[in-house]
């Protein structure tokens, strides 16, 4: 499933927690890539990711960190 992470609306986003979440849910992501994606997202630029394992848990984790997302075709 392809998802676009649009923005993070958390008042004080926890970079380490978001990075760890992305590392766990994004296909093929290591810590370095997850950290880069987190930085891009928190700067206000949308990020495209692909999730193929346990998508319900992935979406729940994104909502936990107040990350807005859209499904892509």
PDB file of N, CA and C in Angstrom:
ATOM      1  N   UNK A   1       0.845  -1.166   0.000  1.00  0.00           N
ATOM      2  CA  UNK A   1       0.000   0.000   0.000  1.00  0.00           C
ATOM      3  C   UNK A   1       0.895   1.235   0.000  1.00  0.00           C
ATOM      4  N   UNK A   2       0.633   2.125  -0.922  1.00  0.00           N
ATOM      5  CA  UNK A   2       1.395   3.376  -0.983  1.00  0.00           C
ATOM      6  C   UNK A   2       0.628   4.455  -0.226  1.00  0.00           C
ATOM      7  N   UNK A   3       1.355   5.157   0.612  1.00  0.00           N
ATOM      8  CA  UNK A   3       0.775   6.194   1.466  1.00  0.00           C
ATOM      9  C   UNK A   3       1.629   7.446   1.356  1.00  0.00           C
ATOM     10  N   UNK A   4       0.979   8.595   1.300  1.00  0.00           N
ATOM     11  CA  UNK A   4       1.706   9.860   1.347  1.00  0.00           C
ATOM     12  C   UNK A   4       1.507  10.459   2.737  1.00  0.00           C
ATOM     13  N   UNK A   5       2.607  10.673   3.430  1.00  0.00           N
ATOM     14  CA  UNK A   5       2.556  11.335   4.731  1.00  0.00           C
ATOM     15  C   UNK A   5       2.527  12.824   4.434  1.00  0.00           C
ATOM     16  N   UNK A   6       1.420  13.464   4.772  1.00  0.00           N
ATOM     17  CA  UNK A   6       1.192  14.849   4.375  1.00  0.00           C
ATOM     18  C   UNK A   6       1.806  15.824   5.367  1.00  0.00           C
ATOM     19  N   UNK A   7       1.550  15.611   6.647  1.00  0.00           N
ATOM     20  CA  UNK A   7       2.057  16.538   7.661  1.00  0.00           C
ATOM     21  C   UNK A   7       2.001  15.894   9.033  1.00  0.00           C
ATOM     22  N   UNK A   8       2.702  16.497   9.963  1.00  0.00           N
ATOM     23  CA  UNK A   8       2.659  16.068  11.363  1.00  0.00           C
ATOM     24  C   UNK A   8       2.127  17.245  12.165  1.00  0.00           C
ATOM     25  N   UNK A   9       1.003  17.042  12.820  1.00  0.00           N
ATOM     26  CA  UNK A   9       0.346  18.113  13.546  1.00  0.00           C
ATOM     27  C   UNK A   9       0.602  18.094  15.049  1.00  0.00           C
ATOM     28  N   UNK A  10       1.532  17.259  15.485  1.00  0.00           N
ATOM     29  CA  UNK A  10       1.844  17.194  16.912  1.00  0.00           C
ATOM     30  C   UNK A  10       2.436  18.524  17.366  1.00  0.00           C
ATOM     31  N   UNK A  11       2.013  18.960  18.544  1.00  0.00           N
ATOM     32  CA  UNK A  11       2.516  20.227  19.089  1.00  0.00           C
ATOM     33  C   UNK A  11       4.032  20.169  19.281  1.00  0.00           C
ATOM     34  N   UNK A  12       4.503  19.078  19.854  1.00  0.00           N
ATOM     35  CA  UNK A  12       5.942  18.868  20.053  1.00  0.00           C
ATOM     36  C   UNK A  12       6.280  17.459  19.566  1.00  0.00           C
ATOM     37  N   UNK A  13       6.521  17.307  18.270  1.00  0.00           N
ATOM     38  CA  UNK A  13       6.758  15.964  17.731  1.00  0.00           C
ATOM     39  C   UNK A  13       8.017  15.318  18.296  1.00  0.00           C
ATOM     40  N   UNK A  14       7.908  14.047  18.604  1.00  0.00           N
ATOM     41  CA  UNK A  14       9.023  13.264  19.133  1.00  0.00           C
ATOM     42  C   UNK A  14       9.759  12.631  17.948  1.00  0.00           C
ATOM     43  N   UNK A  15      10.845  13.269  17.520  1.00  0.00           N
ATOM     44  CA  UNK A  15      11.587  12.812  16.333  1.00  0.00           C
ATOM     45  C   UNK A  15      12.033  11.358  16.459  1.00  0.00           C
ATOM     46  N   UNK A  16      12.572  10.995  17.608  1.00  0.00           N
ATOM     47  CA  UNK A  16      13.071   9.627  17.784  1.00  0.00           C
ATOM     48  C   UNK A  16      11.946   8.612  17.683  1.00  0.00           C
ATOM     49  N   UNK A  17      10.810   8.907  18.266  1.00  0.00           N
ATOM     50  CA  UNK A  17       9.683   7.975  18.224  1.00  0.00           C
ATOM     51  C   UNK A  17       9.116   7.854  16.809  1.00  0.00           C
ATOM     52  N   UNK A  18       9.026   8.974  16.107  1.00  0.00           N
ATOM     53  CA  UNK A  18       8.524   8.945  14.730  1.00  0.00           C
ATOM     54  C   UNK A  18       9.505   8.180  13.846  1.00  0.00           C
ATOM     55  N   UNK A  19      10.796   8.412  14.026  1.00  0.00           N
ATOM     56  CA  UNK A  19      11.815   7.699  13.259  1.00  0.00           C
ATOM     57  C   UNK A  19      11.705   6.195  13.494  1.00  0.00           C
ATOM     58  N   UNK A  20      11.571   5.794  14.740  1.00  0.00           N
ATOM     59  CA  UNK A  20      11.447   4.371  15.070  1.00  0.00           C
ATOM     60  C   UNK A  20      10.195   3.777  14.430  1.00  0.00           C
ATOM     61  N   UNK A  21       9.100   4.513  14.463  1.00  0.00           N
ATOM     62  CA  UNK A  21       7.862   4.046  13.851  1.00  0.00           C
ATOM     63  C   UNK A  21       8.039   3.861  12.352  1.00  0.00           C
ATOM     64  N   UNK A  22       8.631   4.844  11.683  1.00  0.00           N
ATOM     65  CA  UNK A  22       8.845   4.738  10.243  1.00  0.00           C
ATOM     66  C   UNK A  22       9.792   3.591   9.911  1.00  0.00           C
ATOM     67  N   UNK A  23      10.796   3.403  10.727  1.00  0.00           N
ATOM     68  CA  UNK A  23      11.734   2.303  10.503  1.00  0.00           C
ATOM     69  C   UNK A  23      11.001   0.960  10.560  1.00  0.00           C
ATOM     70  N   UNK A  24      10.024   0.855  11.443  1.00  0.00           N
ATOM     71  CA  UNK A  24       9.284  -0.391  11.606  1.00  0.00           C
ATOM     72  C   UNK A  24       8.239  -0.625  10.516  1.00  0.00           C
ATOM     73  N   UNK A  25       7.618   0.447  10.005  1.00  0.00           N
ATOM     74  CA  UNK A  25       6.489   0.236   9.091  1.00  0.00           C
ATOM     75  C   UNK A  25       6.820   0.397   7.615  1.00  0.00           C
ATOM     76  N   UNK A  26       7.841   1.155   7.272  1.00  0.00           N
ATOM     77  CA  UNK A  26       8.152   1.425   5.865  1.00  0.00           C
ATOM     78  C   UNK A  26       8.955   0.261   5.283  1.00  0.00           C
ATOM     79  N   UNK A  27       8.500  -0.236   4.146  1.00  0.00           N
ATOM     80  CA  UNK A  27       9.196  -1.336   3.474  1.00  0.00           C
ATOM     81  C   UNK A  27      10.623  -0.934   3.125  1.00  0.00           C
ATOM     82  N   UNK A  28      11.589  -1.735   3.572  1.00  0.00           N
ATOM     83  CA  UNK A  28      12.984  -1.522   3.213  1.00  0.00           C
ATOM     84  C   UNK A  28      13.679  -0.368   3.900  1.00  0.00           C
ATOM     85  N   UNK A  29      13.081   0.198   4.921  1.00  0.00           N
ATOM     86  CA  UNK A  29      13.692   1.358   5.588  1.00  0.00           C
ATOM     87  C   UNK A  29      14.604   0.912   6.721  1.00  0.00           C
ATOM     88  N   UNK A  30      15.798   1.505   6.757  1.00  0.00           N
ATOM     89  CA  UNK A  30      16.681   1.320   7.897  1.00  0.00           C
ATOM     90  C   UNK A  30      16.613   2.603   8.732  1.00  0.00           C
ATOM     91  N   UNK A  31      17.390   2.660   9.791  1.00  0.00           N
ATOM     92  CA  UNK A  31      17.330   3.811  10.685  1.00  0.00           C
ATOM     93  C   UNK A  31      17.707   5.103   9.978  1.00  0.00           C
ATOM     94  N   UNK A  32      18.693   5.050   9.115  1.00  0.00           N
ATOM     95  CA  UNK A  32      19.147   6.241   8.405  1.00  0.00           C
ATOM     96  C   UNK A  32      18.054   6.796   7.493  1.00  0.00           C
ATOM     97  N   UNK A  33      17.418   5.930   6.722  1.00  0.00           N
ATOM     98  CA  UNK A  33      16.342   6.367   5.837  1.00  0.00           C
ATOM     99  C   UNK A  33      15.152   6.881   6.648  1.00  0.00           C
ATOM    100  N   UNK A  34      14.802   6.187   7.722  1.00  0.00           N
ATOM    101  CA  UNK A  34      13.682   6.612   8.563  1.00  0.00           C
ATOM    102  C   UNK A  34      13.949   7.987   9.170  1.00  0.00           C
ATOM    103  N   UNK A  35      15.187   8.232   9.570  1.00  0.00           N
ATOM    104  CA  UNK A  35      15.564   9.533  10.128  1.00  0.00           C
ATOM    105  C   UNK A  35      15.433  10.622   9.071  1.00  0.00           C
ATOM    106  N   UNK A  36      15.860  10.319   7.851  1.00  0.00           N
ATOM    107  CA  UNK A  36      15.761  11.279   6.755  1.00  0.00           C
ATOM    108  C   UNK A  36      14.294  11.581   6.421  1.00  0.00           C
ATOM    109  N   UNK A  37      13.459  10.541   6.369  1.00  0.00           N
ATOM    110  CA  UNK A  37      12.038  10.735   6.099  1.00  0.00           C
ATOM    111  C   UNK A  37      11.379  11.574   7.187  1.00  0.00           C
ATOM    112  N   UNK A  38      11.755  11.331   8.439  1.00  0.00           N
ATOM    113  CA  UNK A  38      11.215  12.101   9.557  1.00  0.00           C
ATOM    114  C   UNK A  38      11.581  13.566   9.426  1.00  0.00           C
ATOM    115  N   UNK A  39      12.835  13.837   9.122  1.00  0.00           N
ATOM    116  CA  UNK A  39      13.280  15.224   8.970  1.00  0.00           C
ATOM    117  C   UNK A  39      12.519  15.928   7.851  1.00  0.00           C
ATOM    118  N   UNK A  40      12.366  15.254   6.722  1.00  0.00           N
ATOM    119  CA  UNK A  40      11.640  15.837   5.595  1.00  0.00           C
ATOM    120  C   UNK A  40      10.196  16.135   5.981  1.00  0.00           C
ATOM    121  N   UNK A  41       9.553  15.169   6.621  1.00  0.00           N
ATOM    122  CA  UNK A  41       8.153  15.344   7.027  1.00  0.00           C
ATOM    123  C   UNK A  41       7.999  16.504   8.009  1.00  0.00           C
ATOM    124  N   UNK A  42       8.871  16.581   8.999  1.00  0.00           N
ATOM    125  CA  UNK A  42       8.752  17.627  10.016  1.00  0.00           C
ATOM    126  C   UNK A  42       9.121  19.010   9.481  1.00  0.00           C
ATOM    127  N   UNK A  43       9.818  19.052   8.349  1.00  0.00           N
ATOM    128  CA  UNK A  43      10.095  20.340   7.693  1.00  0.00           C
ATOM    129  C   UNK A  43       8.889  20.826   6.896  1.00  0.00           C
ATOM    130  N   UNK A  44       7.892  19.951   6.723  1.00  0.00           N
ATOM    131  CA  UNK A  44       6.668  20.351   6.047  1.00  0.00           C
ATOM    132  C   UNK A  44       6.498  19.833   4.631  1.00  0.00           C
ATOM    133  N   UNK A  45       7.386  18.957   4.194  1.00  0.00           N
ATOM    134  CA  UNK A  45       7.296  18.389   2.856  1.00  0.00           C
ATOM    135  C   UNK A  45       6.653  17.005   2.926  1.00  0.00           C
ATOM    136  N   UNK A  46       5.657  16.737   2.094  1.00  0.00           N
ATOM    137  CA  UNK A  46       5.040  15.398   2.092  1.00  0.00           C
ATOM    138  C   UNK A  46       6.054  14.320   1.711  1.00  0.00           C
ATOM    139  N   UNK A  47       5.838  13.126   2.241  1.00  0.00           N
ATOM    140  CA  UNK A  47       6.737  11.999   2.028  1.00  0.00           C
ATOM    141  C   UNK A  47       5.911  10.803   1.549  1.00  0.00           C
ATOM    142  N   UNK A  48       6.367  10.147   0.487  1.00  0.00           N
ATOM    143  CA  UNK A  48       5.714   8.944  -0.019  1.00  0.00           C
ATOM    144  C   UNK A  48       6.395   7.719   0.565  1.00  0.00           C
ATOM    145  N   UNK A  49       5.575   6.795   1.099  1.00  0.00           N
ATOM    146  CA  UNK A  49       6.117   5.553   1.650  1.00  0.00           C
ATOM    147  C   UNK A  49       5.303   4.380   1.124  1.00  0.00           C
ATOM    148  N   UNK A  50       5.858   3.187   1.297  1.00  0.00           N
ATOM    149  CA  UNK A  50       5.132   1.972   0.953  1.00  0.00           C
ATOM    150  C   UNK A  50       5.128   1.055   2.170  1.00  0.00           C
ATOM    151  N   UNK A  51       3.938   0.555   2.490  1.00  0.00           N
ATOM    152  CA  UNK A  51       3.746  -0.324   3.634  1.00  0.00           C
ATOM    153  C   UNK A  51       3.050  -1.579   3.126  1.00  0.00           C
ATOM    154  N   UNK A  52       3.631  -2.745   3.385  1.00  0.00           N
ATOM    155  CA  UNK A  52       2.989  -3.964   2.911  1.00  0.00           C
ATOM    156  C   UNK A  52       2.681  -4.949   4.032  1.00  0.00           C
ATOM    157  N   UNK A  53       3.218  -4.722   5.207  1.00  0.00           N
ATOM    158  CA  UNK A  53       3.011  -5.645   6.310  1.00  0.00           C
ATOM    159  C   UNK A  53       2.208  -4.983   7.414  1.00  0.00           C
ATOM    160  N   UNK A  54       1.099  -5.595   7.790  1.00  0.00           N
ATOM    161  CA  UNK A  54       0.262  -5.138   8.899  1.00  0.00           C
ATOM    162  C   UNK A  54      -0.113  -3.657   8.764  1.00  0.00           C
ATOM    163  N   UNK A  55      -0.813  -3.343   7.722  1.00  0.00           N
ATOM    164  CA  UNK A  55      -1.140  -1.950   7.420  1.00  0.00           C
ATOM    165  C   UNK A  55      -2.030  -1.307   8.478  1.00  0.00           C
ATOM    166  N   UNK A  56      -2.898  -2.075   9.120  1.00  0.00           N
ATOM    167  CA  UNK A  56      -3.743  -1.501  10.166  1.00  0.00           C
ATOM    168  C   UNK A  56      -2.904  -0.959  11.319  1.00  0.00           C
ATOM    169  N   UNK A  57      -1.908  -1.713  11.723  1.00  0.00           N
ATOM    170  CA  UNK A  57      -1.013  -1.257  12.798  1.00  0.00           C
ATOM    171  C   UNK A  57      -0.212  -0.038  12.365  1.00  0.00           C
ATOM    172  N   UNK A  58       0.204  -0.025  11.106  1.00  0.00           N
ATOM    173  CA  UNK A  58       0.966   1.107  10.587  1.00  0.00           C
ATOM    174  C   UNK A  58       0.133   2.381  10.625  1.00  0.00           C
ATOM    175  N   UNK A  59      -1.120   2.295  10.195  1.00  0.00           N
ATOM    176  CA  UNK A  59      -1.993   3.470  10.192  1.00  0.00           C
ATOM    177  C   UNK A  59      -2.287   3.936  11.612  1.00  0.00           C
ATOM    178  N   UNK A  60      -2.456   2.999  12.523  1.00  0.00           N
ATOM    179  CA  UNK A  60      -2.685   3.349  13.930  1.00  0.00           C
ATOM    180  C   UNK A  60      -1.476   4.089  14.496  1.00  0.00           C
ATOM    181  N   UNK A  61      -0.271   3.623  14.151  1.00  0.00           N
ATOM    182  CA  UNK A  61       0.959   4.266  14.632  1.00  0.00           C
ATOM    183  C   UNK A  61       1.079   5.679  14.084  1.00  0.00           C
ATOM    184  N   UNK A  62       0.720   5.872  12.824  1.00  0.00           N
ATOM    185  CA  UNK A  62       0.778   7.215  12.239  1.00  0.00           C
ATOM    186  C   UNK A  62      -0.194   8.154  12.935  1.00  0.00           C
ATOM    187  N   UNK A  63      -1.387   7.668  13.222  1.00  0.00           N
ATOM    188  CA  UNK A  63      -2.367   8.515  13.934  1.00  0.00           C
ATOM    189  C   UNK A  63      -1.891   8.844  15.345  1.00  0.00           C
ATOM    190  N   UNK A  64      -1.202   7.907  15.974  1.00  0.00           N
ATOM    191  CA  UNK A  64      -0.689   8.130  17.331  1.00  0.00           C
ATOM    192  C   UNK A  64       0.243   9.340  17.384  1.00  0.00           C
ATOM    193  N   UNK A  65       1.057   9.495  16.344  1.00  0.00           N
ATOM    194  CA  UNK A  65       2.003  10.611  16.299  1.00  0.00           C
ATOM    195  C   UNK A  65       1.427  11.817  15.563  1.00  0.00           C
ATOM    196  N   UNK A  66       0.114  11.800  15.344  1.00  0.00           N
ATOM    197  CA  UNK A  66      -0.617  12.915  14.707  1.00  0.00           C
ATOM    198  C   UNK A  66      -0.064  13.225  13.319  1.00  0.00           C
ATOM    199  N   UNK A  67       0.206  12.167  12.565  1.00  0.00           N
ATOM    200  CA  UNK A  67       0.692  12.312  11.191  1.00  0.00           C
ATOM    201  C   UNK A  67      -0.492  12.128  10.261  1.00  0.00           C
ATOM    202  N   UNK A  68      -0.783  13.156   9.457  1.00  0.00           N
ATOM    203  CA  UNK A  68      -1.843  13.071   8.466  1.00  0.00           C
ATOM    204  C   UNK A  68      -1.311  12.340   7.243  1.00  0.00           C
ATOM    205  N   UNK A  69      -2.148  11.491   6.668  1.00  0.00           N
ATOM    206  CA  UNK A  69      -1.713  10.709   5.516  1.00  0.00           C
ATOM    207  C   UNK A  69      -2.851  10.593   4.512  1.00  0.00           C
ATOM    208  N   UNK A  70      -2.480  10.261   3.285  1.00  0.00           N
ATOM    209  CA  UNK A  70      -3.439  10.008   2.201  1.00  0.00           C
ATOM    210  C   UNK A  70      -3.007   8.741   1.493  1.00  0.00           C
ATOM    211  N   UNK A  71      -3.982   7.974   1.029  1.00  0.00           N
ATOM    212  CA  UNK A  71      -3.677   6.781   0.248  1.00  0.00           C
ATOM    213  C   UNK A  71      -3.413   7.195  -1.193  1.00  0.00           C
ATOM    214  N   UNK A  72      -2.432   6.538  -1.803  1.00  0.00           N
ATOM    215  CA  UNK A  72      -2.080   6.833  -3.182  1.00  0.00           C
ATOM    216  C   UNK A  72      -2.452   5.626  -4.039  1.00  0.00           C
ATOM    217  N   UNK A  73      -2.705   5.865  -5.312  1.00  0.00           N
ATOM    218  CA  UNK A  73      -3.036   4.762  -6.230  1.00  0.00           C
ATOM    219  C   UNK A  73      -1.813   4.055  -6.716  1.00  0.00           C
TER     220      UNK A  73
END
